Full PDB file with SEQRES, HELIX, SHEET, SSBOND, CRYST1, ORIGX, SCALE, CONECT and MASTER records, all heavy atoms in Angstrom:
SEQRES   1 A   35  GLU ALA ALA TYR GLY GLU ARG ILE ALA LYS SER LEU PRO          
SEQRES   2 A   35  ALA GLU PHE SER GLY GLN THR LEU PHE PRO PHE ARG ARG          
SEQRES   3 A   35  LEU PHE MET VAL ALA GLN ARG LYS ALA                          
HELIX    1 AA1 ALA A    2  SER A   11  1                                  10    
CRYST1    1.000    1.000    1.000  90.00  90.00  90.00 P 1           1          
ORIGX1      1.000000  0.000000  0.000000        0.00000                         
ORIGX2      0.000000  1.000000  0.000000        0.00000                         
ORIGX3      0.000000  0.000000  1.000000        0.00000                         
SCALE1      1.000000  0.000000  0.000000        0.00000                         
SCALE2      0.000000  1.000000  0.000000        0.00000                         
SCALE3      0.000000  0.000000  1.000000        0.00000                         
ATOM      1  N   GLU A   1    -114.992 -31.539 -26.180  1.00  0.00           N  
ATOM      2  CA  GLU A   1    -113.578 -31.045 -26.236  1.00  0.00           C  
ATOM      3  C   GLU A   1    -112.575 -32.218 -26.113  1.00  0.00           C  
ATOM      4  O   GLU A   1    -111.602 -32.289 -26.933  1.00  0.00           O  
ATOM      5  CB  GLU A   1    -113.363 -30.039 -25.202  1.00  0.00           C  
ATOM      6  CG  GLU A   1    -111.986 -29.396 -25.360  1.00  0.00           C  
ATOM      7  CD  GLU A   1    -111.723 -28.300 -24.337  1.00  0.00           C  
ATOM      8  OE1 GLU A   1    -112.675 -27.560 -23.828  1.00  0.00           O  
ATOM      9  OE2 GLU A   1    -110.583 -28.021 -24.052  1.00  0.00           O  
ATOM     10  N   ALA A   2    -112.880 -33.181 -25.265  1.00  0.00           N  
ATOM     11  CA  ALA A   2    -112.029 -34.356 -25.044  1.00  0.00           C  
ATOM     12  C   ALA A   2    -111.940 -35.187 -26.382  1.00  0.00           C  
ATOM     13  O   ALA A   2    -110.919 -35.597 -26.825  1.00  0.00           O  
ATOM     14  CB  ALA A   2    -112.508 -35.240 -23.907  1.00  0.00           C  
ATOM     15  N   ALA A   3    -113.207 -35.498 -26.933  1.00  0.00           N  
ATOM     16  CA  ALA A   3    -113.204 -36.281 -28.159  1.00  0.00           C  
ATOM     17  C   ALA A   3    -112.492 -35.551 -29.334  1.00  0.00           C  
ATOM     18  O   ALA A   3    -111.792 -36.225 -30.077  1.00  0.00           O  
ATOM     19  CB  ALA A   3    -114.795 -36.494 -28.458  1.00  0.00           C  
ATOM     20  N   TYR A   4    -112.731 -34.276 -29.407  1.00  0.00           N  
ATOM     21  CA  TYR A   4    -112.032 -33.457 -30.463  1.00  0.00           C  
ATOM     22  C   TYR A   4    -110.582 -33.553 -30.217  1.00  0.00           C  
ATOM     23  O   TYR A   4    -109.871 -33.717 -31.175  1.00  0.00           O  
ATOM     24  CB  TYR A   4    -112.579 -32.085 -30.416  1.00  0.00           C  
ATOM     25  CG  TYR A   4    -111.770 -31.122 -31.310  1.00  0.00           C  
ATOM     26  CD1 TYR A   4    -112.044 -31.163 -32.710  1.00  0.00           C  
ATOM     27  CD2 TYR A   4    -110.762 -30.192 -30.822  1.00  0.00           C  
ATOM     28  CE1 TYR A   4    -111.225 -30.292 -33.528  1.00  0.00           C  
ATOM     29  CE2 TYR A   4    -110.082 -29.370 -31.555  1.00  0.00           C  
ATOM     30  CZ  TYR A   4    -110.350 -29.402 -33.004  1.00  0.00           C  
ATOM     31  OH  TYR A   4    -109.556 -28.620 -33.854  1.00  0.00           O  
ATOM     32  N   GLY A   5    -110.157 -33.408 -29.048  1.00  0.00           N  
ATOM     33  CA  GLY A   5    -108.772 -33.440 -28.727  1.00  0.00           C  
ATOM     34  C   GLY A   5    -108.092 -34.618 -29.125  1.00  0.00           C  
ATOM     35  O   GLY A   5    -106.963 -34.737 -29.607  1.00  0.00           O  
ATOM     36  N   GLU A   6    -108.771 -35.828 -28.797  1.00  0.00           N  
ATOM     37  CA  GLU A   6    -108.248 -37.089 -29.149  1.00  0.00           C  
ATOM     38  C   GLU A   6    -108.131 -37.288 -30.665  1.00  0.00           C  
ATOM     39  O   GLU A   6    -106.975 -37.705 -31.125  1.00  0.00           O  
ATOM     40  CB  GLU A   6    -109.169 -38.256 -28.607  1.00  0.00           C  
ATOM     41  CG  GLU A   6    -109.065 -38.479 -27.165  1.00  0.00           C  
ATOM     42  CD  GLU A   6    -109.988 -39.553 -26.633  1.00  0.00           C  
ATOM     43  OE1 GLU A   6    -110.231 -40.443 -27.466  1.00  0.00           O  
ATOM     44  OE2 GLU A   6    -110.494 -39.400 -25.503  1.00  0.00           O  
ATOM     45  N   ARG A   7    -109.063 -36.898 -31.395  1.00  0.00           N  
ATOM     46  CA  ARG A   7    -109.088 -37.083 -32.782  1.00  0.00           C  
ATOM     47  C   ARG A   7    -107.982 -36.175 -33.430  1.00  0.00           C  
ATOM     48  O   ARG A   7    -107.283 -36.547 -34.349  1.00  0.00           O  
ATOM     49  CB  ARG A   7    -110.390 -36.746 -33.417  1.00  0.00           C  
ATOM     50  CG  ARG A   7    -111.460 -37.771 -33.166  1.00  0.00           C  
ATOM     51  CD  ARG A   7    -112.777 -37.477 -33.830  1.00  0.00           C  
ATOM     52  NE  ARG A   7    -113.724 -38.542 -33.533  1.00  0.00           N  
ATOM     53  CZ  ARG A   7    -114.910 -38.428 -33.915  1.00  0.00           C  
ATOM     54  NH1 ARG A   7    -115.459 -37.465 -34.567  1.00  0.00           N  
ATOM     55  NH2 ARG A   7    -115.753 -39.467 -33.615  1.00  0.00           N  
ATOM     56  N   ILE A   8    -107.909 -34.926 -33.053  1.00  0.00           N  
ATOM     57  CA  ILE A   8    -106.989 -34.048 -33.640  1.00  0.00           C  
ATOM     58  C   ILE A   8    -105.578 -34.421 -33.270  1.00  0.00           C  
ATOM     59  O   ILE A   8    -104.589 -34.263 -34.127  1.00  0.00           O  
ATOM     60  CB  ILE A   8    -107.247 -32.473 -33.263  1.00  0.00           C  
ATOM     61  CG1 ILE A   8    -106.709 -31.607 -34.344  1.00  0.00           C  
ATOM     62  CG2 ILE A   8    -106.663 -32.130 -31.953  1.00  0.00           C  
ATOM     63  CD1 ILE A   8    -107.462 -31.588 -35.606  1.00  0.00           C  
ATOM     64  N   ALA A   9    -105.350 -34.939 -32.101  1.00  0.00           N  
ATOM     65  CA  ALA A   9    -103.903 -35.381 -31.764  1.00  0.00           C  
ATOM     66  C   ALA A   9    -103.612 -36.533 -32.556  1.00  0.00           C  
ATOM     67  O   ALA A   9    -102.361 -36.749 -32.971  1.00  0.00           O  
ATOM     68  CB  ALA A   9    -103.883 -35.770 -30.188  1.00  0.00           C  
ATOM     69  N   LYS A  10    -104.544 -37.472 -32.961  1.00  0.00           N  
ATOM     70  CA  LYS A  10    -104.236 -38.638 -33.756  1.00  0.00           C  
ATOM     71  C   LYS A  10    -103.905 -38.179 -35.275  1.00  0.00           C  
ATOM     72  O   LYS A  10    -103.059 -38.754 -35.814  1.00  0.00           O  
ATOM     73  CB  LYS A  10    -105.352 -39.580 -33.705  1.00  0.00           C  
ATOM     74  CG  LYS A  10    -105.422 -40.476 -32.428  1.00  0.00           C  
ATOM     75  CD  LYS A  10    -106.536 -41.379 -32.527  1.00  0.00           C  
ATOM     76  CE  LYS A  10    -106.607 -42.118 -31.209  1.00  0.00           C  
ATOM     77  NZ  LYS A  10    -107.838 -42.957 -31.096  1.00  0.00           N  
ATOM     78  N   SER A  11    -104.691 -37.226 -35.748  1.00  0.00           N  
ATOM     79  CA  SER A  11    -104.471 -36.772 -37.066  1.00  0.00           C  
ATOM     80  C   SER A  11    -103.394 -35.916 -37.374  1.00  0.00           C  
ATOM     81  O   SER A  11    -102.804 -35.812 -38.439  1.00  0.00           O  
ATOM     82  CB  SER A  11    -105.807 -36.214 -37.660  1.00  0.00           C  
ATOM     83  OG  SER A  11    -106.113 -35.006 -36.996  1.00  0.00           O  
ATOM     84  N   LEU A  12    -103.014 -35.104 -36.299  1.00  0.00           N  
ATOM     85  CA  LEU A  12    -101.893 -34.230 -36.417  1.00  0.00           C  
ATOM     86  C   LEU A  12    -100.920 -34.406 -35.234  1.00  0.00           C  
ATOM     87  O   LEU A  12    -100.750 -33.569 -34.326  1.00  0.00           O  
ATOM     88  CB  LEU A  12    -102.303 -32.777 -36.429  1.00  0.00           C  
ATOM     89  CG  LEU A  12    -103.129 -32.297 -37.694  1.00  0.00           C  
ATOM     90  CD1 LEU A  12    -103.785 -31.035 -37.474  1.00  0.00           C  
ATOM     91  CD2 LEU A  12    -102.243 -32.272 -38.885  1.00  0.00           C  
ATOM     92  N   PRO A  13    -100.139 -35.568 -35.174  1.00  0.00           N  
ATOM     93  CA  PRO A  13     -99.311 -35.832 -34.136  1.00  0.00           C  
ATOM     94  C   PRO A  13     -98.036 -34.997 -34.109  1.00  0.00           C  
ATOM     95  O   PRO A  13     -97.734 -34.400 -35.114  1.00  0.00           O  
ATOM     96  CB  PRO A  13     -98.894 -37.313 -34.264  1.00  0.00           C  
ATOM     97  CG  PRO A  13     -98.990 -37.511 -35.748  1.00  0.00           C  
ATOM     98  CD  PRO A  13    -100.060 -36.613 -36.206  1.00  0.00           C  
ATOM     99  N   ALA A  14     -97.398 -34.828 -32.985  1.00  0.00           N  
ATOM    100  CA  ALA A  14     -96.153 -34.102 -32.851  1.00  0.00           C  
ATOM    101  C   ALA A  14     -95.037 -34.727 -33.739  1.00  0.00           C  
ATOM    102  O   ALA A  14     -95.025 -35.977 -33.780  1.00  0.00           O  
ATOM    103  CB  ALA A  14     -95.749 -33.965 -31.308  1.00  0.00           C  
ATOM    104  N   GLU A  15     -94.266 -33.945 -34.322  1.00  0.00           N  
ATOM    105  CA  GLU A  15     -93.049 -34.523 -35.027  1.00  0.00           C  
ATOM    106  C   GLU A  15     -91.931 -34.891 -34.008  1.00  0.00           C  
ATOM    107  O   GLU A  15     -92.128 -34.736 -32.853  1.00  0.00           O  
ATOM    108  CB  GLU A  15     -92.418 -33.241 -35.905  1.00  0.00           C  
ATOM    109  CG  GLU A  15     -93.449 -32.757 -36.893  1.00  0.00           C  
ATOM    110  CD  GLU A  15     -93.661 -33.708 -38.067  1.00  0.00           C  
ATOM    111  OE1 GLU A  15     -92.678 -34.344 -38.543  1.00  0.00           O  
ATOM    112  OE2 GLU A  15     -94.817 -33.888 -38.421  1.00  0.00           O  
ATOM    113  N   PHE A  16     -90.862 -35.455 -34.566  1.00  0.00           N  
ATOM    114  CA  PHE A  16     -89.834 -35.968 -33.627  1.00  0.00           C  
ATOM    115  C   PHE A  16     -89.224 -34.849 -32.726  1.00  0.00           C  
ATOM    116  O   PHE A  16     -88.749 -35.054 -31.701  1.00  0.00           O  
ATOM    117  CB  PHE A  16     -88.703 -36.581 -34.519  1.00  0.00           C  
ATOM    118  CG  PHE A  16     -87.890 -35.621 -35.347  1.00  0.00           C  
ATOM    119  CD1 PHE A  16     -86.791 -34.948 -34.805  1.00  0.00           C  
ATOM    120  CD2 PHE A  16     -88.312 -35.262 -36.614  1.00  0.00           C  
ATOM    121  CE1 PHE A  16     -86.127 -34.056 -35.667  1.00  0.00           C  
ATOM    122  CE2 PHE A  16     -87.602 -34.319 -37.359  1.00  0.00           C  
ATOM    123  CZ  PHE A  16     -86.486 -33.785 -36.894  1.00  0.00           C  
ATOM    124  N   SER A  17     -89.344 -33.567 -33.275  1.00  0.00           N  
ATOM    125  CA  SER A  17     -88.902 -32.466 -32.497  1.00  0.00           C  
ATOM    126  C   SER A  17     -89.801 -32.008 -31.347  1.00  0.00           C  
ATOM    127  O   SER A  17     -89.468 -31.134 -30.538  1.00  0.00           O  
ATOM    128  CB  SER A  17     -88.717 -31.236 -33.440  1.00  0.00           C  
ATOM    129  OG  SER A  17     -89.936 -30.821 -33.924  1.00  0.00           O  
ATOM    130  N   GLY A  18     -90.961 -32.571 -31.304  1.00  0.00           N  
ATOM    131  CA  GLY A  18     -91.986 -32.314 -30.328  1.00  0.00           C  
ATOM    132  C   GLY A  18     -92.912 -31.167 -30.927  1.00  0.00           C  
ATOM    133  O   GLY A  18     -93.901 -30.798 -30.121  1.00  0.00           O  
ATOM    134  N   GLN A  19     -92.638 -30.664 -31.990  1.00  0.00           N  
ATOM    135  CA  GLN A  19     -93.551 -29.620 -32.656  1.00  0.00           C  
ATOM    136  C   GLN A  19     -94.603 -30.236 -33.389  1.00  0.00           C  
ATOM    137  O   GLN A  19     -94.439 -31.295 -33.948  1.00  0.00           O  
ATOM    138  CB  GLN A  19     -92.731 -28.594 -33.395  1.00  0.00           C  
ATOM    139  CG  GLN A  19     -91.708 -27.846 -32.587  1.00  0.00           C  
ATOM    140  CD  GLN A  19     -90.755 -26.963 -33.543  1.00  0.00           C  
ATOM    141  OE1 GLN A  19     -90.456 -27.489 -34.640  1.00  0.00           O  
ATOM    142  NE2 GLN A  19     -90.537 -25.792 -33.120  1.00  0.00           N  
ATOM    143  N   THR A  20     -95.739 -29.615 -33.489  1.00  0.00           N  
ATOM    144  CA  THR A  20     -96.840 -30.064 -34.341  1.00  0.00           C  
ATOM    145  C   THR A  20     -97.071 -29.147 -35.431  1.00  0.00           C  
ATOM    146  O   THR A  20     -97.090 -27.897 -35.305  1.00  0.00           O  
ATOM    147  CB  THR A  20     -98.203 -30.190 -33.485  1.00  0.00           C  
ATOM    148  OG1 THR A  20     -97.967 -31.078 -32.393  1.00  0.00           O  
ATOM    149  CG2 THR A  20     -99.326 -30.672 -34.307  1.00  0.00           C  
ATOM    150  N   LEU A  21     -97.128 -29.735 -36.690  1.00  0.00           N  
ATOM    151  CA  LEU A  21     -97.256 -28.812 -37.874  1.00  0.00           C  
ATOM    152  C   LEU A  21     -98.696 -28.842 -38.249  1.00  0.00           C  
ATOM    153  O   LEU A  21     -99.317 -29.908 -38.607  1.00  0.00           O  
ATOM    154  CB  LEU A  21     -96.407 -29.467 -38.990  1.00  0.00           C  
ATOM    155  CG  LEU A  21     -94.893 -29.553 -38.618  1.00  0.00           C  
ATOM    156  CD1 LEU A  21     -94.176 -30.245 -39.856  1.00  0.00           C  
ATOM    157  CD2 LEU A  21     -94.263 -28.227 -38.270  1.00  0.00           C  
ATOM    158  N   PHE A  22     -99.309 -27.608 -38.310  1.00  0.00           N  
ATOM    159  CA  PHE A  22    -100.750 -27.491 -38.601  1.00  0.00           C  
ATOM    160  C   PHE A  22    -100.896 -26.687 -39.838  1.00  0.00           C  
ATOM    161  O   PHE A  22    -100.652 -25.405 -39.809  1.00  0.00           O  
ATOM    162  CB  PHE A  22    -101.384 -26.813 -37.328  1.00  0.00           C  
ATOM    163  CG  PHE A  22    -102.894 -26.581 -37.518  1.00  0.00           C  
ATOM    164  CD1 PHE A  22    -103.695 -27.535 -38.010  1.00  0.00           C  
ATOM    165  CD2 PHE A  22    -103.365 -25.355 -37.142  1.00  0.00           C  
ATOM    166  CE1 PHE A  22    -105.068 -27.299 -38.086  1.00  0.00           C  
ATOM    167  CE2 PHE A  22    -104.760 -25.066 -37.208  1.00  0.00           C  
ATOM    168  CZ  PHE A  22    -105.608 -26.078 -37.773  1.00  0.00           C  
ATOM    169  N   PRO A  23    -101.351 -27.224 -40.906  1.00  0.00           N  
ATOM    170  CA  PRO A  23    -101.668 -26.514 -42.177  1.00  0.00           C  
ATOM    171  C   PRO A  23    -102.852 -25.595 -41.949  1.00  0.00           C  
ATOM    172  O   PRO A  23    -103.941 -25.994 -41.439  1.00  0.00           O  
ATOM    173  CB  PRO A  23    -101.895 -27.480 -43.202  1.00  0.00           C  
ATOM    174  CG  PRO A  23    -102.184 -28.784 -42.490  1.00  0.00           C  
ATOM    175  CD  PRO A  23    -101.709 -28.667 -41.095  1.00  0.00           C  
ATOM    176  N   PHE A  24    -102.695 -24.343 -42.299  1.00  0.00           N  
ATOM    177  CA  PHE A  24    -103.770 -23.277 -42.036  1.00  0.00           C  
ATOM    178  C   PHE A  24    -104.017 -22.466 -43.261  1.00  0.00           C  
ATOM    179  O   PHE A  24    -103.131 -21.785 -43.737  1.00  0.00           O  
ATOM    180  CB  PHE A  24    -103.417 -22.433 -40.883  1.00  0.00           C  
ATOM    181  CG  PHE A  24    -104.425 -21.569 -40.408  1.00  0.00           C  
ATOM    182  CD1 PHE A  24    -105.627 -22.006 -39.709  1.00  0.00           C  
ATOM    183  CD2 PHE A  24    -104.481 -20.180 -40.699  1.00  0.00           C  
ATOM    184  CE1 PHE A  24    -106.638 -21.239 -39.300  1.00  0.00           C  
ATOM    185  CE2 PHE A  24    -105.533 -19.326 -40.331  1.00  0.00           C  
ATOM    186  CZ  PHE A  24    -106.536 -19.869 -39.583  1.00  0.00           C  
ATOM    187  N   ARG A  25    -105.230 -22.561 -43.863  1.00  0.00           N  
ATOM    188  CA  ARG A  25    -105.534 -21.881 -45.064  1.00  0.00           C  
ATOM    189  C   ARG A  25    -105.847 -20.485 -44.866  1.00  0.00           C  
ATOM    190  O   ARG A  25    -106.651 -20.167 -43.910  1.00  0.00           O  
ATOM    191  CB  ARG A  25    -106.733 -22.589 -45.660  1.00  0.00           C  
ATOM    192  CG  ARG A  25    -107.147 -22.069 -47.031  1.00  0.00           C  
ATOM    193  CD  ARG A  25    -108.432 -22.801 -47.512  1.00  0.00           C  
ATOM    194  NE  ARG A  25    -109.370 -21.899 -48.098  1.00  0.00           N  
ATOM    195  CZ  ARG A  25    -110.613 -21.981 -48.091  1.00  0.00           C  
ATOM    196  NH1 ARG A  25    -111.201 -23.038 -47.517  1.00  0.00           N  
ATOM    197  NH2 ARG A  25    -111.398 -21.068 -48.694  1.00  0.00           N  
ATOM    198  N   ARG A  26    -105.354 -19.546 -45.667  1.00  0.00           N  
ATOM    199  CA  ARG A  26    -105.709 -18.086 -45.638  1.00  0.00           C  
ATOM    200  C   ARG A  26    -106.174 -17.757 -47.143  1.00  0.00           C  
ATOM    201  O   ARG A  26    -105.659 -18.144 -48.089  1.00  0.00           O  
ATOM    202  CB  ARG A  26    -104.483 -17.323 -45.343  1.00  0.00           C  
ATOM    203  CG  ARG A  26    -104.059 -17.408 -43.957  1.00  0.00           C  
ATOM    204  CD  ARG A  26    -104.888 -16.581 -42.990  1.00  0.00           C  
ATOM    205  NE  ARG A  26    -104.332 -16.653 -41.753  1.00  0.00           N  
ATOM    206  CZ  ARG A  26    -105.015 -16.251 -40.594  1.00  0.00           C  
ATOM    207  NH1 ARG A  26    -106.173 -15.804 -40.740  1.00  0.00           N  
ATOM    208  NH2 ARG A  26    -104.378 -16.275 -39.482  1.00  0.00           N  
ATOM    209  N   LEU A  27    -107.210 -16.820 -47.077  1.00  0.00           N  
ATOM    210  CA  LEU A  27    -107.770 -16.329 -48.326  1.00  0.00           C  
ATOM    211  C   LEU A  27    -107.538 -14.877 -48.442  1.00  0.00           C  
ATOM    212  O   LEU A  27    -107.785 -14.181 -47.415  1.00  0.00           O  
ATOM    213  CB  LEU A  27    -109.213 -16.678 -48.323  1.00  0.00           C  
ATOM    214  CG  LEU A  27    -110.031 -16.314 -49.568  1.00  0.00           C  
ATOM    215  CD1 LEU A  27    -109.542 -17.116 -50.762  1.00  0.00           C  
ATOM    216  CD2 LEU A  27    -111.438 -16.579 -49.359  1.00  0.00           C  
ATOM    217  N   PHE A  28    -106.905 -14.342 -49.520  1.00  0.00           N  
ATOM    218  CA  PHE A  28    -106.653 -13.012 -49.700  1.00  0.00           C  
ATOM    219  C   PHE A  28    -107.413 -12.455 -50.896  1.00  0.00           C  
ATOM    220  O   PHE A  28    -107.585 -13.189 -51.930  1.00  0.00           O  
ATOM    221  CB  PHE A  28    -105.164 -12.777 -50.019  1.00  0.00           C  
ATOM    222  CG  PHE A  28    -104.286 -13.275 -48.838  1.00  0.00           C  
ATOM    223  CD1 PHE A  28    -103.803 -14.531 -48.763  1.00  0.00           C  
ATOM    224  CD2 PHE A  28    -103.936 -12.266 -47.888  1.00  0.00           C  
ATOM    225  CE1 PHE A  28    -103.045 -14.883 -47.658  1.00  0.00           C  
ATOM    226  CE2 PHE A  28    -103.126 -12.704 -46.777  1.00  0.00           C  
ATOM    227  CZ  PHE A  28    -102.648 -13.948 -46.753  1.00  0.00           C  
ATOM    228  N   MET A  29    -107.863 -11.194 -50.821  1.00  0.00           N  
ATOM    229  CA  MET A  29    -108.583 -10.556 -51.873  1.00  0.00           C  
ATOM    230  C   MET A  29    -108.141  -9.104 -52.044  1.00  0.00           C  
ATOM    231  O   MET A  29    -108.019  -8.476 -51.004  1.00  0.00           O  
ATOM    232  CB  MET A  29    -110.072 -10.589 -51.576  1.00  0.00           C  
ATOM    233  CG  MET A  29    -110.744 -11.951 -51.476  1.00  0.00           C  
ATOM    234  SD  MET A  29    -112.349 -11.925 -50.937  1.00  0.00           S  
ATOM    235  CE  MET A  29    -111.972 -12.471 -49.270  1.00  0.00           C  
ATOM    236  N   VAL A  30    -108.103  -8.701 -53.286  1.00  0.00           N  
ATOM    237  CA  VAL A  30    -107.814  -7.316 -53.665  1.00  0.00           C  
ATOM    238  C   VAL A  30    -108.815  -7.001 -54.748  1.00  0.00           C  
ATOM    239  O   VAL A  30    -108.789  -7.642 -55.804  1.00  0.00           O  
ATOM    240  CB  VAL A  30    -106.390  -7.090 -54.182  1.00  0.00           C  
ATOM    241  CG1 VAL A  30    -106.168  -5.560 -54.557  1.00  0.00           C  
ATOM    242  CG2 VAL A  30    -105.385  -7.429 -53.019  1.00  0.00           C  
ATOM    243  N   ALA A  31    -109.566  -6.004 -54.610  1.00  0.00           N  
ATOM    244  CA  ALA A  31    -110.575  -5.603 -55.578  1.00  0.00           C  
ATOM    245  C   ALA A  31    -110.465  -4.091 -55.920  1.00  0.00           C  
ATOM    246  O   ALA A  31    -110.243  -3.304 -54.939  1.00  0.00           O  
ATOM    247  CB  ALA A  31    -111.987  -5.846 -55.136  1.00  0.00           C  
ATOM    248  N   GLN A  32    -110.446  -3.735 -57.122  1.00  0.00           N  
ATOM    249  CA  GLN A  32    -110.492  -2.261 -57.556  1.00  0.00           C  
ATOM    250  C   GLN A  32    -111.880  -1.878 -57.961  1.00  0.00           C  
ATOM    251  O   GLN A  32    -112.535  -2.587 -58.735  1.00  0.00           O  
ATOM    252  CB  GLN A  32    -109.568  -2.078 -58.748  1.00  0.00           C  
ATOM    253  CG  GLN A  32    -108.087  -2.312 -58.349  1.00  0.00           C  
ATOM    254  CD  GLN A  32    -107.185  -2.233 -59.565  1.00  0.00           C  
ATOM    255  OE1 GLN A  32    -107.599  -2.503 -60.771  1.00  0.00           O  
ATOM    256  NE2 GLN A  32    -105.937  -1.800 -59.310  1.00  0.00           N  
ATOM    257  N   ARG A  33    -112.347  -0.840 -57.271  1.00  0.00           N  
ATOM    258  CA  ARG A  33    -113.650  -0.371 -57.571  1.00  0.00           C  
ATOM    259  C   ARG A  33    -113.790   0.170 -59.030  1.00  0.00           C  
ATOM    260  O   ARG A  33    -112.823   0.723 -59.574  1.00  0.00           O  
ATOM    261  CB  ARG A  33    -113.991   0.785 -56.610  1.00  0.00           C  
ATOM    262  CG  ARG A  33    -115.404   1.315 -56.693  1.00  0.00           C  
ATOM    263  CD  ARG A  33    -115.685   2.389 -55.733  1.00  0.00           C  
ATOM    264  NE  ARG A  33    -115.153   2.092 -54.355  1.00  0.00           N  
ATOM    265  CZ  ARG A  33    -115.094   2.901 -53.396  1.00  0.00           C  
ATOM    266  NH1 ARG A  33    -115.157   4.250 -53.650  1.00  0.00           N  
ATOM    267  NH2 ARG A  33    -114.603   2.622 -52.237  1.00  0.00           N  
ATOM    268  N   LYS A  34    -115.030  -0.024 -59.604  1.00  0.00           N  
ATOM    269  CA  LYS A  34    -115.298   0.471 -60.937  1.00  0.00           C  
ATOM    270  C   LYS A  34    -115.137   1.987 -60.926  1.00  0.00           C  
ATOM    271  O   LYS A  34    -115.593   2.567 -59.962  1.00  0.00           O  
ATOM    272  CB  LYS A  34    -116.649  -0.049 -61.371  1.00  0.00           C  
ATOM    273  CG  LYS A  34    -116.638  -1.451 -61.761  1.00  0.00           C  
ATOM    274  CD  LYS A  34    -118.051  -1.843 -62.375  1.00  0.00           C  
ATOM    275  CE  LYS A  34    -118.085  -3.252 -62.747  1.00  0.00           C  
ATOM    276  NZ  LYS A  34    -119.481  -3.656 -63.222  1.00  0.00           N  
ATOM    277  N   ALA A  35    -114.699   2.475 -62.059  1.00  0.00           N  
ATOM    278  CA  ALA A  35    -114.584   3.978 -62.089  1.00  0.00           C  
ATOM    279  C   ALA A  35    -115.872   4.579 -62.276  1.00  0.00           C  
ATOM    280  O   ALA A  35    -116.863   4.083 -62.738  1.00  0.00           O  
ATOM    281  CB  ALA A  35    -113.663   4.347 -63.326  1.00  0.00           C  
TER     282      ALA A  35                                                      
MASTER        0    0    0    1    0    0    0    6  281    1    0    3          
END                                                                             
């Protein structure tokens, strides 16, 4: 957890506002059943 925390803090540092911007992927699906 400590090693992960160090790496993630370096790769996604806080912005000047103190907030951290984290891009998060979402996948959406809509399927219509065959008649």
